[in-house]
Amino acid sequence: MYIPLGDNPEHTSSLCDLLQLGPSQDKPTRLSGGFHHLVWRLETARGNYVVKQLAPDTDLDDPATAAHFNATEQVAASFAACGIDAIHAL
């Protein structure tokens, strides 16, 4: 079952714990963008984060899909390392 992150406080808490982000300060706020996926602003005791909630039809077991996500994250991390504004996964 697909539940938006903003409507799922247990999932938000688990995510914060798993990634050691600190406790969530408030309910995640939906942001614009993301095309097929949902994008959230998450404020925690340790900072502000953007969370991409993948669409329920995303097949991460598909090698091409996984390679695409890995490549886009590597590009974003490279941009950020060069001082270009970019958001990449933790």
Protein backbone atom coordinates (compact mmCIF):
# COMPACT_ATOMS: atom_id res chain seq x y z
CA MET A 1 0.00 0.00 0.00
CA TYR A 2 1.30 3.43 -0.99
CA ILE A 3 0.93 6.08 1.70
CA PRO A 4 2.32 9.59 1.17
CA LEU A 5 5.16 10.34 3.59
CA GLY A 6 3.26 13.31 5.01
CA ASP A 7 0.45 10.97 6.06
CA ASN A 8 2.71 8.32 7.57
CA PRO A 9 4.39 9.50 10.81
CA GLU A 10 5.68 6.00 11.62
CA HIS A 11 7.56 5.84 8.31
CA THR A 12 8.91 9.36 8.81
CA SER A 13 10.18 8.43 12.27
CA SER A 14 11.79 5.23 10.96
CA LEU A 15 13.48 7.16 8.15
CA CYS A 16 14.87 9.73 10.60
CA ASP A 17 16.17 6.97 12.86
CA LEU A 18 17.71 4.92 10.05
CA LEU A 19 19.56 7.88 8.54
CA GLN A 20 20.36 9.47 11.93
CA LEU A 21 18.69 12.74 10.91
CA GLY A 22 17.39 13.52 14.38
CA PRO A 23 13.73 13.61 15.34
CA SER A 24 11.28 15.16 12.88
CA GLN A 25 10.19 18.62 13.99
CA ASP A 26 6.89 18.57 12.13
CA LYS A 27 4.93 16.70 9.49
CA PRO A 28 6.84 16.61 6.15
CA THR A 29 5.72 19.27 3.68
CA ARG A 30 5.00 18.36 0.06
CA LEU A 31 7.13 20.26 -2.45
CA SER A 32 6.47 20.88 -6.12
CA GLY A 33 8.45 18.93 -8.67
CA GLY A 34 9.41 15.30 -8.69
CA PHE A 35 7.48 14.53 -11.90
CA HIS A 36 6.50 10.90 -11.32
CA HIS A 37 7.61 10.77 -7.67
CA LEU A 38 6.65 12.79 -4.57
CA VAL A 39 9.10 15.26 -3.03
CA TRP A 40 8.99 16.30 0.64
CA ARG A 41 10.71 18.84 2.88
CA LEU A 42 11.63 17.22 6.18
CA GLU A 43 12.70 19.41 9.10
CA THR A 44 14.56 17.60 11.86
CA ALA A 45 16.56 18.48 14.95
CA ARG A 46 19.75 18.14 12.85
CA GLY A 47 18.72 20.07 9.73
CA ASN A 48 16.40 20.31 6.78
CA TYR A 49 16.25 17.58 4.16
CA VAL A 50 14.52 16.82 0.89
CA VAL A 51 13.05 13.33 0.61
CA LYS A 52 12.09 11.80 -2.72
CA GLN A 53 9.35 9.23 -2.26
CA LEU A 54 9.52 6.93 -5.25
CA ALA A 55 6.31 6.12 -7.09
CA PRO A 56 4.83 2.74 -6.23
CA ASP A 57 5.47 1.40 -9.73
CA THR A 58 9.25 1.98 -9.48
CA ASP A 59 11.02 -1.37 -9.86
CA LEU A 60 14.36 -1.06 -8.08
CA ASP A 61 15.02 -4.73 -8.82
CA ASP A 62 15.26 -3.83 -12.52
CA PRO A 63 18.99 -3.36 -13.31
CA ALA A 64 18.31 -0.53 -15.79
CA THR A 65 16.21 1.39 -13.25
CA ALA A 66 18.81 0.93 -10.50
CA ALA A 67 21.60 2.01 -12.88
CA HIS A 68 19.63 5.12 -13.85
CA PHE A 69 19.14 6.17 -10.20
CA ASN A 70 22.80 5.47 -9.36
CA ALA A 71 24.00 7.51 -12.36
CA THR A 72 21.81 10.52 -11.56
CA GLU A 73 23.00 10.51 -7.94
CA GLN A 74 26.65 10.34 -9.04
CA VAL A 75 26.16 13.28 -11.40
CA ALA A 76 24.44 15.35 -8.69
CA ALA A 77 27.20 14.55 -6.17
CA SER A 78 29.85 15.54 -8.73
CA PHE A 79 28.08 18.84 -9.40
CA ALA A 80 27.86 19.55 -5.66
CA ALA A 81 31.57 18.74 -5.21
CA CYS A 82 32.35 21.39 -7.86
CA GLY A 83 30.30 24.03 -6.05
CA ILE A 84 27.29 23.78 -8.37
CA ASP A 85 23.97 23.78 -6.50
CA ALA A 86 22.76 20.19 -6.60
CA ILE A 87 20.91 17.88 -4.26
CA HIS A 88 22.14 14.31 -4.02
CA ALA A 89 21.21 11.36 -1.87
CA LEU A 90 22.84 10.76 1.49
